[in-house]
Amino acid sequence: MAGTYKAVKASPPDLAMLAIEAHGGLERWNRFSTVSVHGINGGVFWGAKGKAGVLGDVTVTVDTRNEKVSH
């Protein structure tokens, strides 16, 4: 399968802007104040560590303007 991307060498600030532009641009990013992800995690390793079900079904919300994460 041929890739549809072009490798780009970029510094960290340029890389951030490249990612923002690839997902609709800064104007679109600024319309949002939070990003949420719903995840269902599991597997053998969590149980082996005695943590089965700790993150079995979790929603994480990140504030895009302040250093704040909740779950």
N, C-alpha and C. Protein backbone atom coordinates (compact mmCIF):
# COMPACT_ATOMS: atom_id res chain seq x y z
N MET A 1 0.85 -1.18 0.00
CA MET A 1 0.00 0.00 0.00
C MET A 1 0.89 1.23 0.00
N ALA A 2 0.71 2.08 -0.94
CA ALA A 2 1.52 3.29 -1.05
C ALA A 2 1.02 4.34 -0.07
N GLY A 3 1.96 5.03 0.59
CA GLY A 3 1.58 6.08 1.52
C GLY A 3 1.10 7.33 0.79
N THR A 4 0.27 8.09 1.46
CA THR A 4 -0.23 9.33 0.87
C THR A 4 0.31 10.54 1.62
N TYR A 5 1.38 10.34 2.35
CA TYR A 5 1.97 11.42 3.12
C TYR A 5 3.35 11.75 2.58
N LYS A 6 3.82 12.91 2.95
CA LYS A 6 5.15 13.34 2.57
C LYS A 6 5.92 13.59 3.85
N ALA A 7 7.08 12.95 3.98
CA ALA A 7 7.90 13.14 5.17
C ALA A 7 8.37 14.60 5.22
N VAL A 8 8.26 15.19 6.39
CA VAL A 8 8.65 16.59 6.57
C VAL A 8 9.57 16.66 7.78
N LYS A 9 10.70 17.31 7.64
CA LYS A 9 11.60 17.53 8.76
C LYS A 9 11.22 18.87 9.38
N ALA A 10 10.90 18.87 10.68
CA ALA A 10 10.42 20.09 11.31
C ALA A 10 10.90 20.16 12.75
N SER A 11 11.10 21.39 13.24
CA SER A 11 11.44 21.60 14.64
C SER A 11 10.16 21.45 15.46
N PRO A 12 10.25 21.27 16.79
CA PRO A 12 9.03 21.10 17.60
C PRO A 12 7.96 22.17 17.39
N PRO A 13 8.29 23.48 17.40
CA PRO A 13 7.21 24.46 17.16
C PRO A 13 6.60 24.31 15.76
N ASP A 14 7.44 24.03 14.77
CA ASP A 14 6.94 23.83 13.41
C ASP A 14 6.09 22.58 13.34
N LEU A 15 6.48 21.55 14.06
CA LEU A 15 5.74 20.30 14.07
C LEU A 15 4.35 20.50 14.67
N ALA A 16 4.27 21.29 15.73
CA ALA A 16 2.97 21.59 16.33
C ALA A 16 2.08 22.32 15.33
N MET A 17 2.61 23.30 14.65
CA MET A 17 1.82 24.04 13.67
C MET A 17 1.42 23.14 12.50
N LEU A 18 2.31 22.24 12.09
CA LEU A 18 2.00 21.29 11.02
C LEU A 18 0.82 20.41 11.43
N ALA A 19 0.82 19.93 12.67
CA ALA A 19 -0.27 19.10 13.17
C ALA A 19 -1.57 19.88 13.26
N ILE A 20 -1.49 21.12 13.73
CA ILE A 20 -2.69 21.96 13.84
C ILE A 20 -3.27 22.23 12.46
N GLU A 21 -2.44 22.56 11.51
CA GLU A 21 -2.90 22.83 10.15
C GLU A 21 -3.51 21.58 9.52
N ALA A 22 -2.94 20.42 9.81
CA ALA A 22 -3.44 19.16 9.25
C ALA A 22 -4.83 18.81 9.78
N HIS A 23 -5.21 19.42 10.91
CA HIS A 23 -6.51 19.11 11.51
C HIS A 23 -7.46 20.30 11.49
N GLY A 24 -7.29 21.19 10.52
CA GLY A 24 -8.27 22.26 10.34
C GLY A 24 -7.79 23.66 10.65
N GLY A 25 -6.58 23.80 11.17
CA GLY A 25 -6.03 25.13 11.40
C GLY A 25 -6.27 25.67 12.80
N LEU A 26 -5.58 26.73 13.12
CA LEU A 26 -5.64 27.35 14.44
C LEU A 26 -7.02 27.93 14.75
N GLU A 27 -7.68 28.48 13.76
CA GLU A 27 -9.01 29.04 13.99
C GLU A 27 -9.97 27.95 14.47
N ARG A 28 -9.89 26.78 13.84
CA ARG A 28 -10.75 25.67 14.27
C ARG A 28 -10.38 25.21 15.68
N TRP A 29 -9.07 25.08 15.95
CA TRP A 29 -8.60 24.66 17.28
C TRP A 29 -9.13 25.60 18.36
N ASN A 30 -9.11 26.89 18.10
CA ASN A 30 -9.54 27.88 19.10
C ASN A 30 -11.04 27.85 19.38
N ARG A 31 -11.82 27.16 18.56
CA ARG A 31 -13.26 27.04 18.82
C ARG A 31 -13.56 26.07 19.95
N PHE A 32 -12.59 25.24 20.33
CA PHE A 32 -12.81 24.23 21.35
C PHE A 32 -12.12 24.61 22.65
N SER A 33 -12.76 24.30 23.77
CA SER A 33 -12.14 24.55 25.07
C SER A 33 -11.78 23.25 25.78
N THR A 34 -12.36 22.14 25.34
CA THR A 34 -12.03 20.83 25.92
C THR A 34 -11.99 19.77 24.82
N VAL A 35 -11.27 18.70 25.12
CA VAL A 35 -11.23 17.51 24.27
C VAL A 35 -11.46 16.33 25.20
N SER A 36 -12.41 15.45 24.84
CA SER A 36 -12.71 14.29 25.66
C SER A 36 -12.47 13.00 24.88
N VAL A 37 -12.03 11.99 25.59
CA VAL A 37 -11.80 10.67 25.01
C VAL A 37 -12.42 9.63 25.92
N HIS A 38 -13.20 8.74 25.34
CA HIS A 38 -13.77 7.63 26.10
C HIS A 38 -12.97 6.39 25.74
N GLY A 39 -12.40 5.74 26.74
CA GLY A 39 -11.57 4.57 26.49
C GLY A 39 -12.00 3.39 27.33
N ILE A 40 -11.88 2.21 26.73
CA ILE A 40 -12.12 0.97 27.45
C ILE A 40 -10.81 0.20 27.41
N ASN A 41 -10.20 0.03 28.56
CA ASN A 41 -8.88 -0.59 28.65
C ASN A 41 -8.97 -1.90 29.41
N GLY A 42 -8.11 -2.80 29.07
CA GLY A 42 -8.08 -4.07 29.77
C GLY A 42 -6.88 -4.88 29.33
N GLY A 43 -6.89 -6.12 29.69
CA GLY A 43 -5.83 -7.01 29.29
C GLY A 43 -5.21 -7.73 30.46
N VAL A 44 -4.35 -8.65 30.15
CA VAL A 44 -3.72 -9.52 31.14
C VAL A 44 -2.82 -8.75 32.10
N PHE A 45 -2.10 -7.78 31.60
CA PHE A 45 -1.13 -7.08 32.44
C PHE A 45 -1.76 -6.31 33.59
N TRP A 46 -2.92 -5.68 33.35
CA TRP A 46 -3.59 -4.94 34.43
C TRP A 46 -3.95 -5.90 35.57
N GLY A 47 -4.49 -7.06 35.23
CA GLY A 47 -4.85 -8.05 36.23
C GLY A 47 -3.63 -8.58 36.96
N ALA A 48 -2.54 -8.81 36.23
CA ALA A 48 -1.31 -9.32 36.83
C ALA A 48 -0.73 -8.32 37.83
N LYS A 49 -0.97 -7.05 37.61
CA LYS A 49 -0.48 -6.01 38.52
C LYS A 49 -1.46 -5.76 39.67
N GLY A 50 -2.56 -6.51 39.69
CA GLY A 50 -3.55 -6.31 40.73
C GLY A 50 -4.43 -5.09 40.51
N LYS A 51 -4.50 -4.62 39.26
CA LYS A 51 -5.23 -3.39 38.96
C LYS A 51 -6.36 -3.64 37.95
N ALA A 52 -6.85 -4.87 37.87
CA ALA A 52 -7.91 -5.19 36.90
C ALA A 52 -9.11 -4.27 37.10
N GLY A 53 -9.59 -3.69 36.02
CA GLY A 53 -10.77 -2.85 36.06
C GLY A 53 -10.55 -1.41 36.49
N VAL A 54 -9.34 -1.05 36.91
CA VAL A 54 -9.09 0.32 37.37
C VAL A 54 -9.40 1.33 36.27
N LEU A 55 -8.96 1.04 35.07
CA LEU A 55 -9.25 1.92 33.94
C LEU A 55 -10.12 1.20 32.91
N GLY A 56 -11.00 0.32 33.40
CA GLY A 56 -11.82 -0.49 32.50
C GLY A 56 -12.69 0.33 31.57
N ASP A 57 -13.29 1.37 32.06
CA ASP A 57 -14.19 2.21 31.27
C ASP A 57 -14.03 3.63 31.81
N VAL A 58 -13.32 4.46 31.06
CA VAL A 58 -12.98 5.79 31.58
C VAL A 58 -13.14 6.85 30.50
N THR A 59 -13.56 8.03 30.91
CA THR A 59 -13.60 9.19 30.02
C THR A 59 -12.63 10.23 30.58
N VAL A 60 -11.72 10.67 29.74
CA VAL A 60 -10.73 11.68 30.12
C VAL A 60 -11.04 12.96 29.36
N THR A 61 -11.09 14.07 30.07
CA THR A 61 -11.34 15.37 29.46
C THR A 61 -10.16 16.29 29.73
N VAL A 62 -9.66 16.91 28.67
CA VAL A 62 -8.50 17.80 28.76
C VAL A 62 -8.96 19.21 28.41
N ASP A 63 -8.62 20.17 29.26
CA ASP A 63 -8.90 21.58 28.99
C ASP A 63 -7.81 22.06 28.05
N THR A 64 -8.18 22.60 26.90
CA THR A 64 -7.19 23.01 25.90
C THR A 64 -6.59 24.38 26.19
N ARG A 65 -7.10 25.08 27.18
CA ARG A 65 -6.60 26.42 27.47
C ARG A 65 -5.91 26.55 28.81
N ASN A 66 -6.09 25.56 29.66
CA ASN A 66 -5.48 25.55 30.99
C ASN A 66 -4.89 24.17 31.26
N GLU A 67 -3.98 24.08 32.19
CA GLU A 67 -3.39 22.80 32.54
C GLU A 67 -4.35 22.06 33.47
N LYS A 68 -5.35 21.41 32.86
CA LYS A 68 -6.36 20.71 33.66
C LYS A 68 -6.82 19.47 32.90
N VAL A 69 -6.80 18.33 33.61
CA VAL A 69 -7.26 17.07 33.07
C VAL A 69 -8.16 16.43 34.12
N SER A 70 -9.27 15.87 33.69
CA SER A 70 -10.15 15.17 34.64
C SER A 70 -10.55 13.83 34.06
N HIS A 71 -10.87 12.91 34.96
CA HIS A 71 -11.36 11.59 34.53
C HIS A 71 -12.32 11.04 35.54
